N, C-alpha and C. Protein backbone atom coordinates (compact mmCIF):
# COMPACT_ATOMS: atom_id res chain seq x y z
N UNK A 1 -12.57 2.92 -8.42
CA UNK A 1 -11.81 2.11 -9.51
C UNK A 1 -11.76 0.84 -9.19
N UNK A 2 -11.98 -0.04 -10.11
CA UNK A 2 -11.68 -1.61 -10.00
C UNK A 2 -10.93 -2.01 -11.23
N UNK A 3 -9.99 -3.02 -10.80
CA UNK A 3 -8.99 -3.69 -11.64
C UNK A 3 -8.96 -5.04 -11.46
N UNK A 4 -8.62 -5.79 -12.42
CA UNK A 4 -8.41 -7.40 -12.29
C UNK A 4 -6.84 -7.32 -12.48
N UNK A 5 -5.94 -7.88 -11.48
CA UNK A 5 -4.61 -8.02 -11.64
C UNK A 5 -4.20 -9.39 -11.99
N UNK A 6 -3.71 -9.78 -12.88
CA UNK A 6 -3.61 -11.36 -13.37
C UNK A 6 -2.53 -11.93 -12.51
N UNK A 7 -1.12 -11.33 -12.18
CA UNK A 7 -0.01 -12.04 -11.71
C UNK A 7 0.70 -11.19 -10.67
N UNK A 8 1.46 -11.62 -9.96
CA UNK A 8 2.19 -10.68 -9.02
C UNK A 8 3.00 -9.54 -9.69
N UNK A 9 3.43 -9.96 -10.85
CA UNK A 9 4.34 -8.97 -11.63
C UNK A 9 3.43 -7.67 -12.06
N UNK A 10 1.96 -8.08 -12.28
CA UNK A 10 1.10 -7.07 -12.87
C UNK A 10 0.76 -6.25 -11.28
N UNK A 11 0.81 -6.83 -10.26
CA UNK A 11 0.53 -6.16 -9.13
C UNK A 11 1.60 -5.46 -8.65
N UNK A 12 2.99 -5.85 -8.92
CA UNK A 12 4.00 -4.76 -8.59
C UNK A 12 3.99 -3.58 -9.43
N UNK A 13 3.72 -3.84 -10.90
CA UNK A 13 3.42 -2.84 -11.73
C UNK A 13 2.41 -1.93 -11.57
N UNK A 14 1.31 -2.36 -10.80
CA UNK A 14 0.25 -1.23 -10.34
C UNK A 14 0.95 -0.37 -9.21
N UNK A 15 1.84 -1.02 -8.41
CA UNK A 15 2.61 -0.28 -7.53
C UNK A 15 3.53 0.71 -8.16
N UNK A 16 4.11 0.67 -9.26
CA UNK A 16 5.05 1.28 -9.69
C UNK A 16 4.08 2.47 -10.31
N UNK A 17 3.07 2.22 -10.97
CA UNK A 17 2.08 3.20 -11.58
C UNK A 17 1.53 4.14 -10.43
N UNK A 18 1.36 3.79 -9.36
CA UNK A 18 0.76 4.44 -8.32
C UNK A 18 1.95 5.28 -7.64
N UNK A 19 3.03 4.67 -7.53
CA UNK A 19 4.38 5.51 -6.94
C UNK A 19 4.62 6.65 -7.85
N UNK A 20 4.46 6.82 -8.89
CA UNK A 20 4.34 7.90 -9.93
C UNK A 20 3.49 9.47 -9.52
N UNK A 21 2.45 8.70 -8.86
CA UNK A 21 1.60 9.97 -8.18
C UNK A 21 1.83 10.48 -6.92
N UNK A 22 2.49 9.51 -6.07
CA UNK A 22 2.60 9.79 -4.60
C UNK A 22 3.69 10.83 -4.60
N UNK A 23 3.55 11.68 -3.41
CA UNK A 23 4.44 12.59 -2.82
C UNK A 23 4.16 12.60 -1.15
N UNK A 24 5.29 13.49 -0.82
CA UNK A 24 5.21 13.41 0.78
C UNK A 24 3.86 13.80 1.55
N UNK A 25 3.68 13.03 2.32
CA UNK A 25 2.34 13.34 3.12
C UNK A 25 1.11 12.40 2.46
N UNK A 26 1.52 11.57 1.60
CA UNK A 26 0.48 10.79 1.03
C UNK A 26 0.15 9.60 1.86
N UNK A 27 -0.73 9.08 1.93
CA UNK A 27 -1.08 7.66 2.86
C UNK A 27 -1.87 6.75 1.84
N UNK A 28 -1.33 5.32 1.67
CA UNK A 28 -1.99 4.38 1.24
C UNK A 28 -2.41 3.63 2.31
N UNK A 29 -3.89 3.10 2.05
CA UNK A 29 -4.26 2.21 3.02
C UNK A 29 -4.63 0.80 2.48
N UNK A 30 -3.79 -0.21 2.86
CA UNK A 30 -3.94 -1.58 2.12
C UNK A 30 -4.68 -2.46 2.68
N UNK A 31 -5.82 -3.13 2.06
CA UNK A 31 -6.74 -4.16 2.93
C UNK A 31 -6.84 -5.42 2.05
N UNK A 32 -6.71 -6.62 2.49
CA UNK A 32 -6.74 -7.87 1.88
C UNK A 32 -6.37 -8.90 2.66
N UNK A 33 -6.67 -10.25 2.48
CA UNK A 33 -6.47 -11.27 3.24
C UNK A 33 -4.98 -11.49 3.04
N UNK A 34 -4.42 -12.53 3.95
CA UNK A 34 -3.12 -12.86 3.76
C UNK A 34 -2.70 -13.41 2.59
N UNK A 35 -1.51 -13.05 2.01
CA UNK A 35 -1.28 -13.43 0.69
C UNK A 35 -1.91 -12.94 -0.39
N UNK A 36 -2.60 -11.84 -0.23
CA UNK A 36 -3.63 -11.01 -1.39
C UNK A 36 -2.53 -10.44 -2.19
N UNK A 37 -1.59 -9.77 -1.69
CA UNK A 37 -0.61 -9.13 -2.62
C UNK A 37 -0.10 -7.78 -2.21
N UNK A 38 -0.63 -7.66 -0.73
CA UNK A 38 -0.44 -6.19 -0.41
C UNK A 38 1.30 -5.68 -0.31
N UNK A 39 1.96 -6.79 0.11
CA UNK A 39 3.60 -6.57 0.16
C UNK A 39 4.00 -6.16 -1.29
N UNK A 40 3.38 -7.30 -2.11
CA UNK A 40 3.88 -7.11 -3.50
C UNK A 40 3.64 -5.78 -4.16
N UNK A 41 2.31 -5.25 -3.96
CA UNK A 41 2.22 -3.88 -4.29
C UNK A 41 3.21 -2.82 -3.77
N UNK A 42 3.40 -3.12 -2.45
CA UNK A 42 4.36 -2.04 -1.92
C UNK A 42 5.80 -2.20 -2.43
N UNK A 43 6.02 -3.46 -2.64
CA UNK A 43 7.38 -3.57 -3.11
C UNK A 43 7.52 -2.90 -4.58
N UNK A 44 6.42 -3.02 -5.45
CA UNK A 44 6.35 -2.21 -6.90
C UNK A 44 6.61 -0.83 -6.42
N UNK A 45 5.77 -0.13 -5.41
CA UNK A 45 6.08 1.19 -4.83
C UNK A 45 7.35 1.51 -4.50
N UNK A 46 8.19 0.78 -3.97
CA UNK A 46 9.40 1.11 -3.60
C UNK A 46 10.48 0.89 -4.63
N UNK A 47 10.04 0.10 -5.63
CA UNK A 47 11.13 -0.20 -6.80
C UNK A 47 11.07 1.35 -7.56
N UNK A 48 9.75 1.76 -7.96
CA UNK A 48 9.68 2.83 -8.58
C UNK A 48 10.11 4.09 -7.80
N UNK A 49 10.03 4.06 -6.45
CA UNK A 49 10.45 5.45 -5.80
C UNK A 49 11.96 5.20 -5.57
N UNK A 50 12.52 4.11 -5.81
CA UNK A 50 14.00 4.06 -5.64
C UNK A 50 14.50 4.06 -4.14
N UNK A 51 13.93 3.10 -3.41
CA UNK A 51 14.21 2.85 -1.94
C UNK A 51 15.45 2.07 -1.81
N UNK A 52 16.37 2.36 -1.18
CA UNK A 52 17.50 1.37 -0.63
C UNK A 52 16.89 0.20 -0.20
N UNK A 53 17.43 -0.67 -0.36
CA UNK A 53 17.37 -2.26 0.03
C UNK A 53 15.84 -2.76 -0.41
N UNK A 54 15.76 -3.94 -0.01
CA UNK A 54 14.59 -4.69 -0.40
C UNK A 54 13.38 -4.41 0.41
N UNK A 55 12.09 -4.37 -0.14
CA UNK A 55 10.83 -4.02 0.59
C UNK A 55 10.35 -5.56 1.03
N UNK A 56 10.27 -5.38 2.20
CA UNK A 56 9.70 -6.87 3.00
C UNK A 56 8.68 -6.57 3.92
N UNK A 57 7.95 -7.40 4.17
CA UNK A 57 6.68 -7.31 5.19
C UNK A 57 7.37 -6.80 6.32
N UNK A 58 6.74 -5.86 7.14
CA UNK A 58 7.35 -5.44 8.46
C UNK A 58 6.40 -6.08 9.35
N UNK A 59 6.08 -7.31 9.45
CA UNK A 59 4.97 -7.79 10.26
C UNK A 59 5.65 -7.77 11.69
N UNK A 60 6.92 -8.04 11.92
CA UNK A 60 7.35 -8.32 13.16
C UNK A 60 8.02 -7.06 13.86
N UNK A 61 8.28 -6.03 12.98
CA UNK A 61 8.88 -4.73 13.21
C UNK A 61 7.84 -3.73 13.35
N UNK A 62 6.61 -3.97 12.85
CA UNK A 62 5.57 -3.06 12.79
C UNK A 62 5.75 -2.11 11.68
N UNK A 63 6.67 -1.48 11.71
CA UNK A 63 7.04 -0.32 10.77
C UNK A 63 8.38 -0.19 10.08
N UNK A 64 8.44 -0.04 8.77
CA UNK A 64 10.14 -0.06 8.40
C UNK A 64 10.10 1.26 7.28
N UNK A 65 11.19 1.83 7.75
CA UNK A 65 11.45 3.04 6.77
C UNK A 65 12.41 3.00 5.86
N UNK A 66 12.00 3.09 4.65
CA UNK A 66 12.93 2.97 3.33
C UNK A 66 13.18 4.25 2.88
N UNK A 67 14.54 4.59 3.06
CA UNK A 67 15.04 5.87 2.52
C UNK A 67 15.41 5.71 0.97
N UNK A 68 15.26 6.96 0.39
CA UNK A 68 15.12 6.84 -1.34
C UNK A 68 16.75 7.26 -1.76
N UNK A 69 17.20 6.84 -2.47
CA UNK A 69 18.42 6.93 -3.14
C UNK A 69 18.54 8.65 -3.68
N UNK A 70 17.15 9.02 -3.93
CA UNK A 70 17.48 10.53 -4.62
C UNK A 70 17.33 11.56 -3.59
N UNK A 71 17.17 11.09 -2.13
CA UNK A 71 16.92 11.83 -1.04
C UNK A 71 15.28 12.47 -0.99
N UNK A 72 14.40 11.94 -1.81
CA UNK A 72 13.12 12.29 -1.83
C UNK A 72 12.44 11.75 -0.35
N UNK A 73 11.07 11.87 -0.12
CA UNK A 73 10.31 11.22 0.68
C UNK A 73 10.59 9.96 1.00
N UNK A 74 10.80 9.60 2.28
CA UNK A 74 11.13 8.04 2.47
C UNK A 74 9.69 7.43 2.36
N UNK A 75 9.73 6.07 1.99
CA UNK A 75 8.58 5.17 2.14
C UNK A 75 8.60 4.51 3.46
N UNK A 76 7.47 4.60 4.24
CA UNK A 76 7.27 4.07 5.51
C UNK A 76 6.14 3.01 5.27
N UNK A 77 6.68 1.72 5.45
CA UNK A 77 5.73 0.54 5.22
C UNK A 77 5.34 0.30 6.76
N UNK A 78 4.13 0.05 6.92
CA UNK A 78 3.50 -0.45 8.11
C UNK A 78 2.72 -1.48 8.02
N UNK A 79 2.85 -2.70 9.08
CA UNK A 79 1.95 -3.61 9.19
C UNK A 79 1.20 -3.59 10.35
N UNK A 80 -0.15 -3.04 10.17
CA UNK A 80 -0.97 -2.95 11.46
C UNK A 80 -1.75 -3.99 11.91
N UNK A 81 -1.41 -5.17 11.46
CA UNK A 81 -2.22 -6.46 11.71
C UNK A 81 -2.17 -6.78 13.25
N UNK A 82 -1.11 -6.51 13.89
CA UNK A 82 -1.08 -6.71 15.42
C UNK A 82 -1.61 -5.37 16.21
N UNK A 83 -1.87 -4.38 15.55
CA UNK A 83 -2.35 -3.28 16.17
C UNK A 83 -3.82 -3.25 16.46
N UNK A 84 -4.41 -2.81 17.64
CA UNK A 84 -5.47 -2.87 18.00
C UNK A 84 -6.45 -1.33 17.61
N UNK A 85 -5.86 -0.29 17.28
CA UNK A 85 -6.52 0.94 17.20
C UNK A 85 -5.70 2.02 16.40
N UNK A 86 -6.25 2.95 16.17
CA UNK A 86 -5.48 3.95 15.50
C UNK A 86 -4.61 4.94 16.43
N UNK A 87 -4.82 4.59 17.70
CA UNK A 87 -4.10 5.26 18.75
C UNK A 87 -2.67 4.46 18.90
N UNK A 88 -2.95 3.19 18.74
CA UNK A 88 -1.59 2.37 18.43
C UNK A 88 -0.75 2.72 17.34
N UNK A 89 -1.56 2.85 16.29
CA UNK A 89 -0.90 3.44 15.15
C UNK A 89 -0.04 4.60 15.28
N UNK A 90 -0.79 5.52 16.04
CA UNK A 90 -0.36 6.99 16.20
C UNK A 90 1.04 6.96 16.92
N UNK A 91 0.79 5.83 18.06
CA UNK A 91 2.27 5.60 18.90
C UNK A 91 3.47 5.34 18.16
N UNK A 92 3.42 4.94 17.00
CA UNK A 92 4.65 4.68 16.11
C UNK A 92 5.26 5.87 15.60
N UNK A 93 4.71 6.84 16.05
CA UNK A 93 5.42 8.32 15.78
C UNK A 93 5.98 8.65 14.51
N UNK A 94 5.28 8.16 13.45
CA UNK A 94 5.33 8.47 11.87
C UNK A 94 5.26 9.88 11.57
N UNK A 95 6.19 10.35 10.78
CA UNK A 95 6.29 11.57 10.32
C UNK A 95 5.58 11.53 9.00
N UNK A 96 4.13 11.92 9.02
CA UNK A 96 3.19 11.55 8.01
C UNK A 96 3.43 12.65 6.90
N UNK A 97 3.71 13.95 7.27
CA UNK A 97 3.75 14.99 6.22
C UNK A 97 5.06 14.88 5.66
N UNK A 98 6.17 14.20 6.08
CA UNK A 98 7.32 14.11 5.37
C UNK A 98 7.70 12.87 4.73
N UNK A 99 6.70 11.93 4.47
CA UNK A 99 6.71 10.63 4.29
C UNK A 99 5.64 10.18 3.29
N UNK A 100 5.94 9.17 2.61
CA UNK A 100 4.85 8.12 1.96
C UNK A 100 4.69 7.09 2.70
N UNK A 101 3.50 6.92 3.17
CA UNK A 101 3.15 5.92 4.08
C UNK A 101 2.27 5.00 3.68
N UNK A 102 2.57 3.69 3.65
CA UNK A 102 1.68 2.68 3.33
C UNK A 102 1.28 1.82 4.47
N UNK A 103 -0.05 1.34 4.96
CA UNK A 103 -0.34 0.82 5.87
C UNK A 103 -0.86 -0.40 5.50
N UNK A 104 -0.37 -1.59 5.89
CA UNK A 104 -1.04 -2.92 5.53
C UNK A 104 -2.25 -3.10 6.45
N UNK A 105 -3.15 -3.69 6.36
CA UNK A 105 -4.36 -4.07 7.37
C UNK A 105 -4.73 -3.03 7.86
N UNK A 106 -5.15 -1.98 7.13
CA UNK A 106 -5.27 -0.44 7.53
C UNK A 106 -6.79 -0.39 8.00
N UNK A 107 -7.71 -1.13 7.73
CA UNK A 107 -9.21 -1.23 8.11
C UNK A 107 -9.38 -0.65 9.61
N UNK A 108 -9.91 0.46 10.17
CA UNK A 108 -10.00 0.99 11.19
C UNK A 108 -9.12 1.53 11.81
N UNK A 109 -8.00 1.73 11.38
CA UNK A 109 -6.73 2.28 11.83
C UNK A 109 -6.56 3.63 11.45
N UNK A 110 -7.16 4.43 10.54
CA UNK A 110 -6.81 5.68 10.15
C UNK A 110 -7.85 6.76 10.76
N UNK A 111 -8.51 6.65 11.58
CA UNK A 111 -9.36 7.60 12.55
C UNK A 111 -8.56 8.72 12.66
N UNK A 112 -8.76 9.99 12.23
CA UNK A 112 -7.81 11.17 12.54
C UNK A 112 -6.70 11.40 12.09
N UNK A 113 -6.06 10.20 11.24
CA UNK A 113 -4.69 10.49 10.75
C UNK A 113 -4.68 11.59 9.68
N UNK A 114 -5.46 11.53 8.88
CA UNK A 114 -5.53 12.56 7.67
C UNK A 114 -6.79 12.43 7.18
N UNK A 115 -7.28 13.79 6.23
CA UNK A 115 -8.30 13.91 5.57
C UNK A 115 -8.19 13.24 4.13
N UNK A 116 -7.12 13.16 3.67
CA UNK A 116 -6.80 12.40 2.21
C UNK A 116 -6.12 11.12 2.42
N UNK A 117 -6.61 10.09 1.92
CA UNK A 117 -5.95 8.87 1.80
C UNK A 117 -6.36 7.85 0.82
N UNK A 118 -5.42 7.36 0.21
CA UNK A 118 -5.95 6.24 -0.91
C UNK A 118 -6.13 4.86 -0.30
N UNK A 119 -7.31 4.42 -0.51
CA UNK A 119 -7.66 2.98 0.07
C UNK A 119 -7.51 2.12 -1.16
N UNK A 120 -6.76 0.94 -0.82
CA UNK A 120 -6.72 -0.12 -1.73
C UNK A 120 -7.12 -1.45 -1.09
N UNK A 121 -8.23 -2.23 -1.64
CA UNK A 121 -8.70 -3.53 -1.46
C UNK A 121 -8.20 -4.54 -2.49
N UNK A 122 -7.64 -5.41 -1.79
CA UNK A 122 -7.32 -6.58 -2.84
C UNK A 122 -7.93 -7.74 -2.29
N UNK A 123 -8.77 -8.57 -3.17
CA UNK A 123 -9.52 -9.67 -3.16
C UNK A 123 -9.14 -10.86 -4.01
N UNK A 124 -9.22 -12.03 -3.55
CA UNK A 124 -9.09 -13.05 -4.58
C UNK A 124 -10.51 -13.49 -4.80
N UNK A 125 -10.88 -13.58 -5.99
CA UNK A 125 -12.25 -13.90 -6.28
C UNK A 125 -12.61 -15.32 -5.69
N UNK A 126 -13.97 -15.40 -5.16
CA UNK A 126 -14.39 -16.80 -4.77
C UNK A 126 -14.53 -17.90 -5.93
N UNK A 127 -13.98 -19.00 -6.07
CA UNK A 127 -14.09 -19.63 -7.05
C UNK A 127 -13.11 -19.43 -8.23
N UNK A 128 -12.04 -18.40 -8.06
CA UNK A 128 -11.32 -18.04 -8.85
C UNK A 128 -10.57 -19.17 -9.67
N UNK A 129 -10.19 -18.88 -10.88
CA UNK A 129 -9.24 -19.90 -11.52
C UNK A 129 -7.73 -19.70 -11.53
N UNK A 130 -7.08 -20.69 -11.00
CA UNK A 130 -5.62 -20.53 -10.96
C UNK A 130 -4.85 -20.99 -12.41
N UNK A 131 -3.87 -20.05 -12.74
CA UNK A 131 -3.18 -20.42 -13.87
C UNK A 131 -2.46 -22.02 -13.85
N UNK A 132 -1.71 -22.28 -14.81
CA UNK A 132 -0.82 -23.67 -14.80
C UNK A 132 0.13 -23.36 -13.80
N UNK A 133 0.57 -21.97 -13.44
CA UNK A 133 1.53 -21.80 -12.28
C UNK A 133 1.13 -21.65 -10.95
N UNK A 134 -0.51 -21.82 -10.89
CA UNK A 134 -1.08 -21.72 -9.56
C UNK A 134 -1.20 -20.27 -9.11
N UNK A 135 -1.48 -19.42 -10.24
CA UNK A 135 -1.51 -17.93 -9.90
C UNK A 135 -3.09 -17.49 -10.18
N UNK A 136 -3.68 -17.11 -9.03
CA UNK A 136 -4.99 -16.67 -9.16
C UNK A 136 -5.02 -14.80 -9.52
N UNK A 137 -5.87 -14.56 -10.17
CA UNK A 137 -6.25 -13.25 -10.45
C UNK A 137 -6.64 -12.51 -9.16
N UNK A 138 -6.36 -11.35 -8.86
CA UNK A 138 -7.00 -10.51 -7.85
C UNK A 138 -7.74 -9.43 -8.32
N UNK A 139 -8.71 -8.98 -7.49
CA UNK A 139 -9.63 -7.95 -7.89
C UNK A 139 -9.34 -6.77 -7.01
N UNK A 140 -8.89 -5.62 -7.42
CA UNK A 140 -8.34 -4.51 -6.90
C UNK A 140 -9.32 -3.36 -6.82
N UNK A 141 -9.88 -2.66 -5.75
CA UNK A 141 -10.61 -1.64 -5.79
C UNK A 141 -9.98 -0.51 -4.99
N UNK A 142 -9.89 0.51 -5.67
CA UNK A 142 -9.15 1.95 -5.29
C UNK A 142 -9.96 2.76 -5.12
N UNK A 143 -10.07 3.42 -3.99
CA UNK A 143 -11.14 4.51 -3.69
C UNK A 143 -10.29 5.58 -2.95
N UNK A 144 -10.44 6.94 -3.59
CA UNK A 144 -9.63 8.05 -3.18
C UNK A 144 -10.80 8.69 -2.09
N UNK A 145 -9.87 9.23 -0.94
CA UNK A 145 -10.67 9.83 -0.08
C UNK A 145 -9.97 11.28 0.15
N UNK A 146 -10.79 12.24 -0.08
CA UNK A 146 -10.39 13.70 0.14
C UNK A 146 -9.87 14.33 -1.36
N UNK A 147 -9.78 15.53 -1.14
CA UNK A 147 -9.51 16.25 -2.32
C UNK A 147 -8.26 15.76 -3.10
N UNK A 148 -7.12 15.37 -2.40
CA UNK A 148 -6.06 14.80 -3.17
C UNK A 148 -6.10 13.73 -4.30
N UNK A 149 -7.23 13.02 -4.03
CA UNK A 149 -7.47 11.84 -5.05
C UNK A 149 -8.74 11.89 -5.83
N UNK A 150 -9.11 13.24 -6.14
CA UNK A 150 -10.50 13.33 -6.95
C UNK A 150 -10.19 12.94 -8.33
N UNK A 151 -9.02 12.72 -8.88
CA UNK A 151 -8.84 12.26 -10.31
C UNK A 151 -8.03 11.16 -10.44
N UNK A 152 -8.78 10.08 -9.83
CA UNK A 152 -8.19 8.81 -9.64
C UNK A 152 -7.83 7.89 -11.08
N UNK A 153 -8.95 8.47 -12.01
CA UNK A 153 -8.80 7.82 -13.39
C UNK A 153 -7.57 8.24 -14.23
N UNK A 154 -6.63 8.97 -13.68
CA UNK A 154 -5.41 9.11 -14.32
C UNK A 154 -4.48 8.08 -13.74
N UNK A 155 -4.78 7.45 -12.81
CA UNK A 155 -3.85 6.23 -12.37
C UNK A 155 -3.67 5.31 -13.36
């Protein structure tokens, strides 16, 4: 599935739509250059899931767990930029079955973690045209891996 996301607000709204489909045990792999909108999408997820506190980039802490106000599966937000392998991701001791896990900079980090995950790539088009506010549209590619994500069209 390919989408064009025009604004940061639209990226957050995509996160909100995605959150309605997520449940405990789901893994979302986010890839895109610095400033592409990975954390903005995750912020939208957190908003829809009703997490406590603000969703911010976990760059310096590597992983941040956001508890939900309704007691549902927590959102675990991981920044794998400084990790060098899936073994280091495993060392974070994340409870995947009981959580909704979002991993930024996930390329090459998910070997053996799960058979089902949602991969989201965010790109700024080369030569993209900025709006008067300096906002460039993003091209988002969503790929489902495994049986869990066979019906992506309903996203």
